[in-house]
Amino acid sequence: MIDHFGIQCDDLAAASAWYDAFFAPLGYGRVMDFGVAVGYGPPEHPSFWLGAATDPGGRQSHIAFTAPNRDVVDEVHRVAVGLGLEILHEPRVWPEYHPHYYGVFVRDPDGNNVEAVCHRPPAD
């Protein structure tokens, strides 16, 4: 159900250094680093993310839910539009994550960044 999640921090460098040390005994480390976001986990799938705070005084969270295929990601988008939710990013491929990463990002009623993601290639 849960694909990955992320939290925001005021000082990404300090938080990253802390999590680098914290995760080392657990066998986890940085898998991706985009400068404004750092992903941790096993090499094949970062499942915990730190991001630079984008909402001073607030702490939105990011949570991504696994979709079985791209059609379901598109349906989540249609439902979100029907509910009047803010669409942060329309459904699309995110090649900077990996070639088959297909996701939609929406804002829930409490301001959290919620994503539906499929890691599979498009159906033929």
PDB file of N, CA and C in Angstrom:
ATOM      1  N   MET A   1       0.813  -1.180   0.000  1.00  0.00           N
ATOM      2  CA  MET A   1       0.000   0.000   0.000  1.00  0.00           C
ATOM      3  C   MET A   1       0.866   1.257   0.000  1.00  0.00           C
ATOM      4  N   ILE A   2       1.744   1.420   0.979  1.00  0.00           N
ATOM      5  CA  ILE A   2       2.592   2.608   1.031  1.00  0.00           C
ATOM      6  C   ILE A   2       3.861   2.337   0.237  1.00  0.00           C
ATOM      7  N   ASP A   3       4.117   3.204  -0.726  1.00  0.00           N
ATOM      8  CA  ASP A   3       5.297   3.083  -1.564  1.00  0.00           C
ATOM      9  C   ASP A   3       6.487   3.788  -0.924  1.00  0.00           C
ATOM     10  N   HIS A   4       6.279   5.027  -0.488  1.00  0.00           N
ATOM     11  CA  HIS A   4       7.311   5.780   0.211  1.00  0.00           C
ATOM     12  C   HIS A   4       6.677   6.976   0.904  1.00  0.00           C
ATOM     13  N   PHE A   5       7.426   7.609   1.804  1.00  0.00           N
ATOM     14  CA  PHE A   5       6.922   8.815   2.455  1.00  0.00           C
ATOM     15  C   PHE A   5       8.084   9.751   2.732  1.00  0.00           C
ATOM     16  N   GLY A   6       7.759  11.010   3.009  1.00  0.00           N
ATOM     17  CA  GLY A   6       8.801  11.984   3.260  1.00  0.00           C
ATOM     18  C   GLY A   6       8.362  13.027   4.263  1.00  0.00           C
ATOM     19  N   ILE A   7       9.363  13.621   4.887  1.00  0.00           N
ATOM     20  CA  ILE A   7       9.117  14.698   5.832  1.00  0.00           C
ATOM     21  C   ILE A   7       9.961  15.896   5.413  1.00  0.00           C
ATOM     22  N   GLN A   8       9.554  17.078   5.879  1.00  0.00           N
ATOM     23  CA  GLN A   8      10.301  18.296   5.595  1.00  0.00           C
ATOM     24  C   GLN A   8      11.135  18.688   6.800  1.00  0.00           C
ATOM     25  N   CYS A   9      12.232  19.392   6.516  1.00  0.00           N
ATOM     26  CA  CYS A   9      13.096  19.846   7.599  1.00  0.00           C
ATOM     27  C   CYS A   9      13.630  21.235   7.276  1.00  0.00           C
ATOM     28  N   ASP A  10      13.896  22.004   8.326  1.00  0.00           N
ATOM     29  CA  ASP A  10      14.392  23.368   8.156  1.00  0.00           C
ATOM     30  C   ASP A  10      15.829  23.404   7.652  1.00  0.00           C
ATOM     31  N   ASP A  11      16.650  22.465   8.094  1.00  0.00           N
ATOM     32  CA  ASP A  11      18.059  22.419   7.713  1.00  0.00           C
ATOM     33  C   ASP A  11      18.342  21.042   7.114  1.00  0.00           C
ATOM     34  N   LEU A  12      18.219  20.967   5.796  1.00  0.00           N
ATOM     35  CA  LEU A  12      18.353  19.674   5.118  1.00  0.00           C
ATOM     36  C   LEU A  12      19.740  19.066   5.326  1.00  0.00           C
ATOM     37  N   ALA A  13      20.777  19.876   5.301  1.00  0.00           N
ATOM     38  CA  ALA A  13      22.133  19.340   5.497  1.00  0.00           C
ATOM     39  C   ALA A  13      22.289  18.712   6.875  1.00  0.00           C
ATOM     40  N   ALA A  14      21.805  19.407   7.900  1.00  0.00           N
ATOM     41  CA  ALA A  14      21.917  18.873   9.265  1.00  0.00           C
ATOM     42  C   ALA A  14      21.060  17.619   9.429  1.00  0.00           C
ATOM     43  N   ALA A  15      19.848  17.655   8.899  1.00  0.00           N
ATOM     44  CA  ALA A  15      18.966  16.484   9.013  1.00  0.00           C
ATOM     45  C   ALA A  15      19.547  15.297   8.250  1.00  0.00           C
ATOM     46  N   SER A  16      20.089  15.549   7.060  1.00  0.00           N
ATOM     47  CA  SER A  16      20.687  14.462   6.269  1.00  0.00           C
ATOM     48  C   SER A  16      21.868  13.841   7.004  1.00  0.00           C
ATOM     49  N   ALA A  17      22.702  14.672   7.596  1.00  0.00           N
ATOM     50  CA  ALA A  17      23.849  14.147   8.352  1.00  0.00           C
ATOM     51  C   ALA A  17      23.376  13.293   9.523  1.00  0.00           C
ATOM     52  N   TRP A  18      22.326  13.748  10.209  1.00  0.00           N
ATOM     53  CA  TRP A  18      21.784  12.997  11.332  1.00  0.00           C
ATOM     54  C   TRP A  18      21.242  11.650  10.858  1.00  0.00           C
ATOM     55  N   TYR A  19      20.438  11.655   9.771  1.00  0.00           N
ATOM     56  CA  TYR A  19      19.875  10.393   9.275  1.00  0.00           C
ATOM     57  C   TYR A  19      20.948   9.490   8.673  1.00  0.00           C
ATOM     58  N   ASP A  20      21.991  10.071   8.062  1.00  0.00           N
ATOM     59  CA  ASP A  20      23.111   9.245   7.586  1.00  0.00           C
ATOM     60  C   ASP A  20      23.656   8.399   8.739  1.00  0.00           C
ATOM     61  N   ALA A  21      23.900   9.049   9.879  1.00  0.00           N
ATOM     62  CA  ALA A  21      24.443   8.353  11.051  1.00  0.00           C
ATOM     63  C   ALA A  21      23.429   7.383  11.643  1.00  0.00           C
ATOM     64  N   PHE A  22      22.175   7.810  11.740  1.00  0.00           N
ATOM     65  CA  PHE A  22      21.124   6.988  12.340  1.00  0.00           C
ATOM     66  C   PHE A  22      20.883   5.711  11.528  1.00  0.00           C
ATOM     67  N   PHE A  23      20.845   5.836  10.202  1.00  0.00           N
ATOM     68  CA  PHE A  23      20.539   4.684   9.353  1.00  0.00           C
ATOM     69  C   PHE A  23      21.720   3.736   9.165  1.00  0.00           C
ATOM     70  N   ALA A  24      22.949   4.202   9.380  1.00  0.00           N
ATOM     71  CA  ALA A  24      24.119   3.354   9.124  1.00  0.00           C
ATOM     72  C   ALA A  24      24.054   2.004   9.832  1.00  0.00           C
ATOM     73  N   PRO A  25      23.744   1.940  11.137  1.00  0.00           N
ATOM     74  CA  PRO A  25      23.677   0.630  11.786  1.00  0.00           C
ATOM     75  C   PRO A  25      22.554  -0.256  11.241  1.00  0.00           C
ATOM     76  N   LEU A  26      21.539   0.383  10.659  1.00  0.00           N
ATOM     77  CA  LEU A  26      20.417  -0.377  10.110  1.00  0.00           C
ATOM     78  C   LEU A  26      20.704  -0.886   8.702  1.00  0.00           C
ATOM     79  N   GLY A  27      21.811  -0.451   8.120  1.00  0.00           N
ATOM     80  CA  GLY A  27      22.180  -0.898   6.785  1.00  0.00           C
ATOM     81  C   GLY A  27      21.552  -0.082   5.668  1.00  0.00           C
ATOM     82  N   TYR A  28      21.003   1.079   6.000  1.00  0.00           N
ATOM     83  CA  TYR A  28      20.405   1.944   4.990  1.00  0.00           C
ATOM     84  C   TYR A  28      21.298   3.145   4.762  1.00  0.00           C
ATOM     85  N   GLY A  29      21.185   3.736   3.607  1.00  0.00           N
ATOM     86  CA  GLY A  29      21.961   4.920   3.305  1.00  0.00           C
ATOM     87  C   GLY A  29      21.280   5.732   2.233  1.00  0.00           C
ATOM     88  N   ARG A  30      21.950   6.814   1.840  1.00  0.00           N
ATOM     89  CA  ARG A  30      21.411   7.665   0.770  1.00  0.00           C
ATOM     90  C   ARG A  30      21.380   6.889  -0.536  1.00  0.00           C
ATOM     91  N   VAL A  31      20.222   6.917  -1.169  1.00  0.00           N
ATOM     92  CA  VAL A  31      20.065   6.261  -2.462  1.00  0.00           C
ATOM     93  C   VAL A  31      19.985   7.305  -3.568  1.00  0.00           C
ATOM     94  N   MET A  32      19.339   8.425  -3.272  1.00  0.00           N
ATOM     95  CA  MET A  32      19.228   9.537  -4.218  1.00  0.00           C
ATOM     96  C   MET A  32      19.407  10.839  -3.456  1.00  0.00           C
ATOM     97  N   ASP A  33      20.022  11.817  -4.129  1.00  0.00           N
ATOM     98  CA  ASP A  33      20.198  13.134  -3.527  1.00  0.00           C
ATOM     99  C   ASP A  33      20.021  14.168  -4.629  1.00  0.00           C
ATOM    100  N   PHE A  34      18.938  14.944  -4.530  1.00  0.00           N
ATOM    101  CA  PHE A  34      18.625  15.968  -5.522  1.00  0.00           C
ATOM    102  C   PHE A  34      18.960  17.370  -5.030  1.00  0.00           C
ATOM    103  N   GLY A  35      19.657  17.479  -3.924  1.00  0.00           N
ATOM    104  CA  GLY A  35      19.983  18.783  -3.374  1.00  0.00           C
ATOM    105  C   GLY A  35      18.887  19.362  -2.503  1.00  0.00           C
ATOM    106  N   VAL A  36      17.644  19.242  -2.919  1.00  0.00           N
ATOM    107  CA  VAL A  36      16.497  19.724  -2.134  1.00  0.00           C
ATOM    108  C   VAL A  36      15.722  18.568  -1.520  1.00  0.00           C
ATOM    109  N   ALA A  37      16.112  17.355  -1.862  1.00  0.00           N
ATOM    110  CA  ALA A  37      15.470  16.151  -1.327  1.00  0.00           C
ATOM    111  C   ALA A  37      16.486  15.013  -1.344  1.00  0.00           C
ATOM    112  N   VAL A  38      16.453  14.208  -0.273  1.00  0.00           N
ATOM    113  CA  VAL A  38      17.373  13.080  -0.127  1.00  0.00           C
ATOM    114  C   VAL A  38      16.542  11.835   0.155  1.00  0.00           C
ATOM    115  N   GLY A  39      16.783  10.769  -0.628  1.00  0.00           N
ATOM    116  CA  GLY A  39      16.059   9.512  -0.461  1.00  0.00           C
ATOM    117  C   GLY A  39      16.930   8.459   0.186  1.00  0.00           C
ATOM    118  N   TYR A  40      16.363   7.732   1.144  1.00  0.00           N
ATOM    119  CA  TYR A  40      17.057   6.669   1.878  1.00  0.00           C
ATOM    120  C   TYR A  40      16.340   5.342   1.684  1.00  0.00           C
ATOM    121  N   GLY A  41      17.106   4.273   1.833  1.00  0.00           N
ATOM    122  CA  GLY A  41      16.527   2.942   1.788  1.00  0.00           C
ATOM    123  C   GLY A  41      17.478   1.968   1.141  1.00  0.00           C
ATOM    124  N   PRO A  42      16.968   0.831   0.744  1.00  0.00           N
ATOM    125  CA  PRO A  42      17.810  -0.086  -0.010  1.00  0.00           C
ATOM    126  C   PRO A  42      18.069   0.515  -1.396  1.00  0.00           C
ATOM    127  N   PRO A  43      19.172   0.164  -2.029  1.00  0.00           N
ATOM    128  CA  PRO A  43      19.544   0.791  -3.309  1.00  0.00           C
ATOM    129  C   PRO A  43      18.465   0.757  -4.379  1.00  0.00           C
ATOM    130  N   GLU A  44      17.675  -0.278  -4.418  1.00  0.00           N
ATOM    131  CA  GLU A  44      16.687  -0.392  -5.485  1.00  0.00           C
ATOM    132  C   GLU A  44      15.413   0.421  -5.260  1.00  0.00           C
ATOM    133  N   HIS A  45      15.226   0.963  -4.040  1.00  0.00           N
ATOM    134  CA  HIS A  45      13.971   1.682  -3.797  1.00  0.00           C
ATOM    135  C   HIS A  45      14.039   2.583  -2.564  1.00  0.00           C
ATOM    136  N   PRO A  46      14.304   3.880  -2.758  1.00  0.00           N
ATOM    137  CA  PRO A  46      14.290   4.771  -1.597  1.00  0.00           C
ATOM    138  C   PRO A  46      12.866   4.917  -1.072  1.00  0.00           C
ATOM    139  N   SER A  47      12.656   4.621   0.188  1.00  0.00           N
ATOM    140  CA  SER A  47      11.296   4.648   0.733  1.00  0.00           C
ATOM    141  C   SER A  47      11.100   5.714   1.802  1.00  0.00           C
ATOM    142  N   PHE A  48      12.185   6.370   2.231  1.00  0.00           N
ATOM    143  CA  PHE A  48      12.089   7.459   3.197  1.00  0.00           C
ATOM    144  C   PHE A  48      12.810   8.663   2.621  1.00  0.00           C
ATOM    145  N   TRP A  49      12.128   9.812   2.617  1.00  0.00           N
ATOM    146  CA  TRP A  49      12.680  11.020   2.010  1.00  0.00           C
ATOM    147  C   TRP A  49      12.710  12.168   2.996  1.00  0.00           C
ATOM    148  N   LEU A  50      13.769  12.957   2.903  1.00  0.00           N
ATOM    149  CA  LEU A  50      13.868  14.238   3.598  1.00  0.00           C
ATOM    150  C   LEU A  50      13.802  15.315   2.534  1.00  0.00           C
ATOM    151  N   GLY A  51      13.053  16.371   2.811  1.00  0.00           N
ATOM    152  CA  GLY A  51      12.977  17.477   1.872  1.00  0.00           C
ATOM    153  C   GLY A  51      13.145  18.798   2.586  1.00  0.00           C
ATOM    154  N   ALA A  52      13.648  19.775   1.847  1.00  0.00           N
ATOM    155  CA  ALA A  52      13.761  21.127   2.394  1.00  0.00           C
ATOM    156  C   ALA A  52      12.364  21.668   2.649  1.00  0.00           C
ATOM    157  N   ALA A  53      12.171  22.308   3.791  1.00  0.00           N
ATOM    158  CA  ALA A  53      10.855  22.853   4.153  1.00  0.00           C
ATOM    159  C   ALA A  53      10.408  23.874   3.120  1.00  0.00           C
ATOM    160  N   THR A  54       9.191  23.719   2.640  1.00  0.00           N
ATOM    161  CA  THR A  54       8.624  24.643   1.659  1.00  0.00           C
ATOM    162  C   THR A  54       7.527  25.499   2.263  1.00  0.00           C
ATOM    163  N   ASP A  55       7.153  25.212   3.488  1.00  0.00           N
ATOM    164  CA  ASP A  55       6.067  25.926   4.139  1.00  0.00           C
ATOM    165  C   ASP A  55       6.528  26.365   5.518  1.00  0.00           C
ATOM    166  N   PRO A  56       7.188  27.529   5.601  1.00  0.00           N
ATOM    167  CA  PRO A  56       7.682  27.976   6.914  1.00  0.00           C
ATOM    168  C   PRO A  56       6.563  27.973   7.950  1.00  0.00           C
ATOM    169  N   GLY A  57       6.866  27.406   9.098  1.00  0.00           N
ATOM    170  CA  GLY A  57       5.879  27.329  10.168  1.00  0.00           C
ATOM    171  C   GLY A  57       4.941  26.151  10.038  1.00  0.00           C
ATOM    172  N   GLY A  58       5.020  25.432   8.948  1.00  0.00           N
ATOM    173  CA  GLY A  58       4.159  24.261   8.737  1.00  0.00           C
ATOM    174  C   GLY A  58       4.999  23.048   8.430  1.00  0.00           C
ATOM    175  N   ARG A  59       4.402  21.939   8.439  1.00  0.00           N
ATOM    176  CA  ARG A  59       5.111  20.696   8.162  1.00  0.00           C
ATOM    177  C   ARG A  59       4.231  19.784   7.330  1.00  0.00           C
ATOM    178  N   GLN A  60       4.144  20.052   6.057  1.00  0.00           N
ATOM    179  CA  GLN A  60       3.407  19.107   5.236  1.00  0.00           C
ATOM    180  C   GLN A  60       4.211  17.814   5.121  1.00  0.00           C
ATOM    181  N   SER A  61       3.509  16.732   5.009  1.00  0.00           N
ATOM    182  CA  SER A  61       4.139  15.431   4.802  1.00  0.00           C
ATOM    183  C   SER A  61       3.904  15.007   3.363  1.00  0.00           C
ATOM    184  N   HIS A  62       4.711  14.069   2.921  1.00  0.00           N
ATOM    185  CA  HIS A  62       4.509  13.474   1.598  1.00  0.00           C
ATOM    186  C   HIS A  62       4.337  11.981   1.808  1.00  0.00           C
ATOM    187  N   ILE A  63       3.301  11.443   1.205  1.00  0.00           N
ATOM    188  CA  ILE A  63       3.101   9.997   1.252  1.00  0.00           C
ATOM    189  C   ILE A  63       2.659   9.536  -0.120  1.00  0.00           C
ATOM    190  N   ALA A  64       3.273   8.454  -0.572  1.00  0.00           N
ATOM    191  CA  ALA A  64       2.958   7.898  -1.888  1.00  0.00           C
ATOM    192  C   ALA A  64       2.369   6.511  -1.718  1.00  0.00           C
ATOM    193  N   PHE A  65       1.287   6.286  -2.444  1.00  0.00           N
ATOM    194  CA  PHE A  65       0.606   4.993  -2.417  1.00  0.00           C
ATOM    195  C   PHE A  65       0.843   4.276  -3.740  1.00  0.00           C
ATOM    196  N   THR A  66       1.057   2.973  -3.667  1.00  0.00           N
ATOM    197  CA  THR A  66       1.333   2.161  -4.839  1.00  0.00           C
ATOM    198  C   THR A  66       0.072   1.925  -5.655  1.00  0.00           C
ATOM    199  N   ALA A  67       0.167   2.172  -6.945  1.00  0.00           N
ATOM    200  CA  ALA A  67      -0.915   1.867  -7.887  1.00  0.00           C
ATOM    201  C   ALA A  67      -0.471   0.679  -8.744  1.00  0.00           C
ATOM    202  N   PRO A  68      -1.388  -0.233  -9.064  1.00  0.00           N
ATOM    203  CA  PRO A  68      -0.985  -1.421  -9.810  1.00  0.00           C
ATOM    204  C   PRO A  68      -0.656  -1.162 -11.281  1.00  0.00           C
ATOM    205  N   ASN A  69      -1.185  -0.050 -11.821  1.00  0.00           N
ATOM    206  CA  ASN A  69      -0.904   0.284 -13.215  1.00  0.00           C
ATOM    207  C   ASN A  69      -1.162   1.768 -13.451  1.00  0.00           C
ATOM    208  N   ARG A  70      -0.809   2.237 -14.628  1.00  0.00           N
ATOM    209  CA  ARG A  70      -0.925   3.659 -14.943  1.00  0.00           C
ATOM    210  C   ARG A  70      -2.375   4.117 -15.048  1.00  0.00           C
ATOM    211  N   ASP A  71      -3.248   3.230 -15.471  1.00  0.00           N
ATOM    212  CA  ASP A  71      -4.668   3.603 -15.549  1.00  0.00           C
ATOM    213  C   ASP A  71      -5.211   3.983 -14.174  1.00  0.00           C
ATOM    214  N   VAL A  72      -4.753   3.296 -13.148  1.00  0.00           N
ATOM    215  CA  VAL A  72      -5.199   3.612 -11.785  1.00  0.00           C
ATOM    216  C   VAL A  72      -4.657   4.983 -11.358  1.00  0.00           C
ATOM    217  N   VAL A  73      -3.421   5.298 -11.719  1.00  0.00           N
ATOM    218  CA  VAL A  73      -2.872   6.628 -11.422  1.00  0.00           C
ATOM    219  C   VAL A  73      -3.750   7.697 -12.087  1.00  0.00           C
ATOM    220  N   ASP A  74      -4.116   7.463 -13.346  1.00  0.00           N
ATOM    221  CA  ASP A  74      -4.982   8.409 -14.062  1.00  0.00           C
ATOM    222  C   ASP A  74      -6.350   8.529 -13.398  1.00  0.00           C
ATOM    223  N   GLU A  75      -6.876   7.429 -12.893  1.00  0.00           N
ATOM    224  CA  GLU A  75      -8.180   7.463 -12.218  1.00  0.00           C
ATOM    225  C   GLU A  75      -8.084   8.238 -10.905  1.00  0.00           C
ATOM    226  N   VAL A  76      -6.983   8.073 -10.173  1.00  0.00           N
ATOM    227  CA  VAL A  76      -6.780   8.863  -8.949  1.00  0.00           C
ATOM    228  C   VAL A  76      -6.805  10.353  -9.301  1.00  0.00           C
ATOM    229  N   HIS A  77      -6.171  10.703 -10.395  1.00  0.00           N
ATOM    230  CA  HIS A  77      -6.169  12.101 -10.845  1.00  0.00           C
ATOM    231  C   HIS A  77      -7.593  12.575 -11.117  1.00  0.00           C
ATOM    232  N   ARG A  78      -8.377  11.782 -11.839  1.00  0.00           N
ATOM    233  CA  ARG A  78      -9.768  12.162 -12.143  1.00  0.00           C
ATOM    234  C   ARG A  78     -10.584  12.334 -10.858  1.00  0.00           C
ATOM    235  N   VAL A  79     -10.406  11.434  -9.904  1.00  0.00           N
ATOM    236  CA  VAL A  79     -11.128  11.533  -8.634  1.00  0.00           C
ATOM    237  C   VAL A  79     -10.713  12.804  -7.894  1.00  0.00           C
ATOM    238  N   ALA A  80      -9.413  13.087  -7.849  1.00  0.00           N
ATOM    239  CA  ALA A  80      -8.924  14.283  -7.154  1.00  0.00           C
ATOM    240  C   ALA A  80      -9.498  15.551  -7.785  1.00  0.00           C
ATOM    241  N   VAL A  81      -9.536  15.592  -9.108  1.00  0.00           N
ATOM    242  CA  VAL A  81     -10.123  16.748  -9.794  1.00  0.00           C
ATOM    243  C   VAL A  81     -11.597  16.866  -9.428  1.00  0.00           C
ATOM    244  N   GLY A  82     -12.306  15.736  -9.425  1.00  0.00           N
ATOM    245  CA  GLY A  82     -13.725  15.733  -9.078  1.00  0.00           C
ATOM    246  C   GLY A  82     -13.988  16.191  -7.653  1.00  0.00           C
ATOM    247  N   LEU A  83     -13.041  15.931  -6.766  1.00  0.00           N
ATOM    248  CA  LEU A  83     -13.173  16.368  -5.376  1.00  0.00           C
ATOM    249  C   LEU A  83     -12.744  17.822  -5.184  1.00  0.00           C
ATOM    250  N   GLY A  84     -12.220  18.422  -6.239  1.00  0.00           N
ATOM    251  CA  GLY A  84     -11.774  19.803  -6.143  1.00  0.00           C
ATOM    252  C   GLY A  84     -10.439  19.979  -5.444  1.00  0.00           C
ATOM    253  N   LEU A  85      -9.652  18.907  -5.360  1.00  0.00           N
ATOM    254  CA  LEU A  85      -8.349  18.993  -4.697  1.00  0.00           C
ATOM    255  C   LEU A  85      -7.340  19.711  -5.588  1.00  0.00           C
ATOM    256  N   GLU A  86      -6.373  20.339  -4.962  1.00  0.00           N
ATOM    257  CA  GLU A  86      -5.297  20.984  -5.707  1.00  0.00           C
ATOM    258  C   GLU A  86      -4.423  19.901  -6.341  1.00  0.00           C
ATOM    259  N   ILE A  87      -4.175  20.035  -7.632  1.00  0.00           N
ATOM    260  CA  ILE A  87      -3.291  19.103  -8.336  1.00  0.00           C
ATOM    261  C   ILE A  87      -1.902  19.722  -8.339  1.00  0.00           C
ATOM    262  N   LEU A  88      -0.971  19.076  -7.667  1.00  0.00           N
ATOM    263  CA  LEU A  88       0.396  19.581  -7.606  1.00  0.00           C
ATOM    264  C   LEU A  88       1.152  19.245  -8.887  1.00  0.00           C
ATOM    265  N   HIS A  89       0.985  18.019  -9.380  1.00  0.00           N
ATOM    266  CA  HIS A  89       1.628  17.569 -10.616  1.00  0.00           C
ATOM    267  C   HIS A  89       0.687  16.590 -11.314  1.00  0.00           C
ATOM    268  N   GLU A  90       0.326  16.892 -12.549  1.00  0.00           N
ATOM    269  CA  GLU A  90      -0.508  15.999 -13.364  1.00  0.00           C
ATOM    270  C   GLU A  90       0.203  14.652 -13.531  1.00  0.00           C
ATOM    271  N   PRO A  91      -0.537  13.598 -13.850  1.00  0.00           N
ATOM    272  CA  PRO A  91       0.105  12.300 -14.076  1.00  0.00           C
ATOM    273  C   PRO A  91       1.121  12.394 -15.219  1.00  0.00           C
ATOM    274  N   ARG A  92       2.297  11.845 -14.965  1.00  0.00           N
ATOM    275  CA  ARG A  92       3.335  11.811 -16.000  1.00  0.00           C
ATOM    276  C   ARG A  92       4.444  10.863 -15.576  1.00  0.00           C
ATOM    277  N   VAL A  93       5.329  10.598 -16.503  1.00  0.00           N
ATOM    278  CA  VAL A  93       6.540   9.824 -16.220  1.00  0.00           C
ATOM    279  C   VAL A  93       7.557  10.770 -15.590  1.00  0.00           C
ATOM    280  N   TRP A  94       8.223  10.274 -14.561  1.00  0.00           N
ATOM    281  CA  TRP A  94       9.265  11.023 -13.855  1.00  0.00           C
ATOM    282  C   TRP A  94      10.596  10.301 -14.081  1.00  0.00           C
ATOM    283  N   PRO A  95      11.258  10.529 -15.235  1.00  0.00           N
ATOM    284  CA  PRO A  95      12.474   9.765 -15.560  1.00  0.00           C
ATOM    285  C   PRO A  95      13.638  10.033 -14.618  1.00  0.00           C
ATOM    286  N   GLU A  96      13.599  11.162 -13.887  1.00  0.00           N
ATOM    287  CA  GLU A  96      14.696  11.415 -12.945  1.00  0.00           C
ATOM    288  C   GLU A  96      14.683  10.420 -11.793  1.00  0.00           C
ATOM    289  N   TYR A  97      13.550   9.741 -11.565  1.00  0.00           N
ATOM    290  CA  TYR A  97      13.471   8.706 -10.535  1.00  0.00           C
ATOM    291  C   TYR A  97      13.821   7.347 -11.125  1.00  0.00           C
ATOM    292  N   HIS A  98      13.151   6.960 -12.181  1.00  0.00           N
ATOM    293  CA  HIS A  98      13.526   5.813 -13.007  1.00  0.00           C
ATOM    294  C   HIS A  98      12.621   5.816 -14.236  1.00  0.00           C
ATOM    295  N   PRO A  99      12.973   5.073 -15.288  1.00  0.00           N
ATOM    296  CA  PRO A  99      12.274   5.196 -16.572  1.00  0.00           C
ATOM    297  C   PRO A  99      10.770   4.882 -16.549  1.00  0.00           C
ATOM    298  N   HIS A 100      10.309   4.087 -15.598  1.00  0.00           N
ATOM    299  CA  HIS A 100       8.892   3.701 -15.581  1.00  0.00           C
ATOM    300  C   HIS A 100       8.105   4.339 -14.450  1.00  0.00           C
ATOM    301  N   TYR A 101       8.692   5.295 -13.739  1.00  0.00           N
ATOM    302  CA  TYR A 101       8.024   5.953 -12.609  1.00  0.00           C
ATOM    303  C   TYR A 101       6.923   6.849 -13.161  1.00  0.00           C
ATOM    304  N   TYR A 102       5.672   6.515 -12.861  1.00  0.00           N
ATOM    305  CA  TYR A 102       4.512   7.265 -13.359  1.00  0.00           C
ATOM    306  C   TYR A 102       3.668   7.651 -12.155  1.00  0.00           C
ATOM    307  N   GLY A 103       3.545   8.959 -11.917  1.00  0.00           N
ATOM    308  CA  GLY A 103       2.839   9.378 -10.711  1.00  0.00           C
ATOM    309  C   GLY A 103       2.049  10.655 -10.894  1.00  0.00           C
ATOM    310  N   VAL A 104       1.090  10.836  -9.971  1.00  0.00           N
ATOM    311  CA  VAL A 104       0.311  12.064  -9.855  1.00  0.00           C
ATOM    312  C   VAL A 104       0.438  12.533  -8.410  1.00  0.00           C
ATOM    313  N   PHE A 105       0.541  13.845  -8.220  1.00  0.00           N
ATOM    314  CA  PHE A 105       0.695  14.434  -6.893  1.00  0.00           C
ATOM    315  C   PHE A 105      -0.458  15.398  -6.650  1.00  0.00           C
ATOM    316  N   VAL A 106      -1.144  15.246  -5.513  1.00  0.00           N
ATOM    317  CA  VAL A 106      -2.267  16.117  -5.165  1.00  0.00           C
ATOM    318  C   VAL A 106      -2.113  16.580  -3.716  1.00  0.00           C
ATOM    319  N   ARG A 107      -2.820  17.628  -3.378  1.00  0.00           N
ATOM    320  CA  ARG A 107      -2.814  18.131  -2.002  1.00  0.00           C
ATOM    321  C   ARG A 107      -4.089  17.656  -1.331  1.00  0.00           C
ATOM    322  N   ASP A 108      -3.967  16.975  -0.186  1.00  0.00           N
ATOM    323  CA  ASP A 108      -5.157  16.530   0.537  1.00  0.00           C
ATOM    324  C   ASP A 108      -5.785  17.714   1.280  1.00  0.00           C
ATOM    325  N   PRO A 109      -6.959  17.531   1.884  1.00  0.00           N
ATOM    326  CA  PRO A 109      -7.629  18.655   2.542  1.00  0.00           C
ATOM    327  C   PRO A 109      -6.829  19.295   3.681  1.00  0.00           C
ATOM    328  N   ASP A 110      -5.843  18.579   4.234  1.00  0.00           N
ATOM    329  CA  ASP A 110      -5.029  19.132   5.311  1.00  0.00           C
ATOM    330  C   ASP A 110      -3.694  19.686   4.820  1.00  0.00           C
ATOM    331  N   GLY A 111      -3.494  19.727   3.519  1.00  0.00           N
ATOM    332  CA  GLY A 111      -2.280  20.317   2.963  1.00  0.00           C
ATOM    333  C   GLY A 111      -1.140  19.357   2.698  1.00  0.00           C
ATOM    334  N   ASN A 112      -1.347  18.075   2.930  1.00  0.00           N
ATOM    335  CA  ASN A 112      -0.289  17.097   2.681  1.00  0.00           C
ATOM    336  C   ASN A 112      -0.165  16.797   1.193  1.00  0.00           C
ATOM    337  N   ASN A 113       1.031  16.477   0.777  1.00  0.00           N
ATOM    338  CA  ASN A 113       1.335  16.119  -0.602  1.00  0.00           C
ATOM    339  C   ASN A 113       1.139  14.598  -0.726  1.00  0.00           C
ATOM    340  N   VAL A 114       0.100  14.196  -1.441  1.00  0.00           N
ATOM    341  CA  VAL A 114      -0.254  12.782  -1.567  1.00  0.00           C
ATOM    342  C   VAL A 114      -0.060  12.358  -3.022  1.00  0.00           C
ATOM    343  N   GLU A 115       0.539  11.205  -3.202  1.00  0.00           N
ATOM    344  CA  GLU A 115       0.894  10.726  -4.534  1.00  0.00           C
ATOM    345  C   GLU A 115       0.344   9.325  -4.757  1.00  0.00           C
ATOM    346  N   ALA A 116      -0.031   9.051  -6.008  1.00  0.00           N
ATOM    347  CA  ALA A 116      -0.286   7.679  -6.469  1.00  0.00           C
ATOM    348  C   ALA A 116       0.789   7.395  -7.491  1.00  0.00           C
ATOM    349  N   VAL A 117       1.492   6.271  -7.349  1.00  0.00           N
ATOM    350  CA  VAL A 117       2.623   5.962  -8.228  1.00  0.00           C
ATOM    351  C   VAL A 117       2.586   4.524  -8.711  1.00  0.00           C
ATOM    352  N   CYS A 118       2.938   4.354  -9.972  1.00  0.00           N
ATOM    353  CA  CYS A 118       3.107   3.034 -10.571  1.00  0.00           C
ATOM    354  C   CYS A 118       4.543   2.937 -11.064  1.00  0.00           C
ATOM    355  N   HIS A 119       5.194   1.823 -10.775  1.00  0.00           N
ATOM    356  CA  HIS A 119       6.588   1.624 -11.186  1.00  0.00           C
ATOM    357  C   HIS A 119       6.700   0.711 -12.396  1.00  0.00           C
ATOM    358  N   ARG A 120       5.588   0.351 -12.980  1.00  0.00           N
ATOM    359  CA  ARG A 120       5.589  -0.595 -14.088  1.00  0.00           C
ATOM    360  C   ARG A 120       5.555   0.132 -15.428  1.00  0.00           C
ATOM    361  N   PRO A 121       6.066  -0.502 -16.452  1.00  0.00           N
ATOM    362  CA  PRO A 121       5.985   0.119 -17.799  1.00  0.00           C
ATOM    363  C   PRO A 121       4.529   0.160 -18.258  1.00  0.00           C
ATOM    364  N   PRO A 122       4.244   0.989 -19.257  1.00  0.00           N
ATOM    365  CA  PRO A 122       2.858   1.061 -19.744  1.00  0.00           C
ATOM    366  C   PRO A 122       2.418  -0.280 -20.317  1.00  0.00           C
ATOM    367  N   ALA A 123       1.130  -0.544 -20.204  1.00  0.00           N
ATOM    368  CA  ALA A 123       0.583  -1.787 -20.774  1.00  0.00           C
ATOM    369  C   ALA A 123       0.608  -1.675 -22.286  1.00  0.00           C
ATOM    370  N   ASP A 124       0.897  -2.780 -22.934  1.00  0.00           N
ATOM    371  CA  ASP A 124       0.925  -2.783 -24.404  1.00  0.00           C
ATOM    372  C   ASP A 124      -0.462  -2.905 -24.985  1.00  0.00           C
TER     373      ASP A 124
END
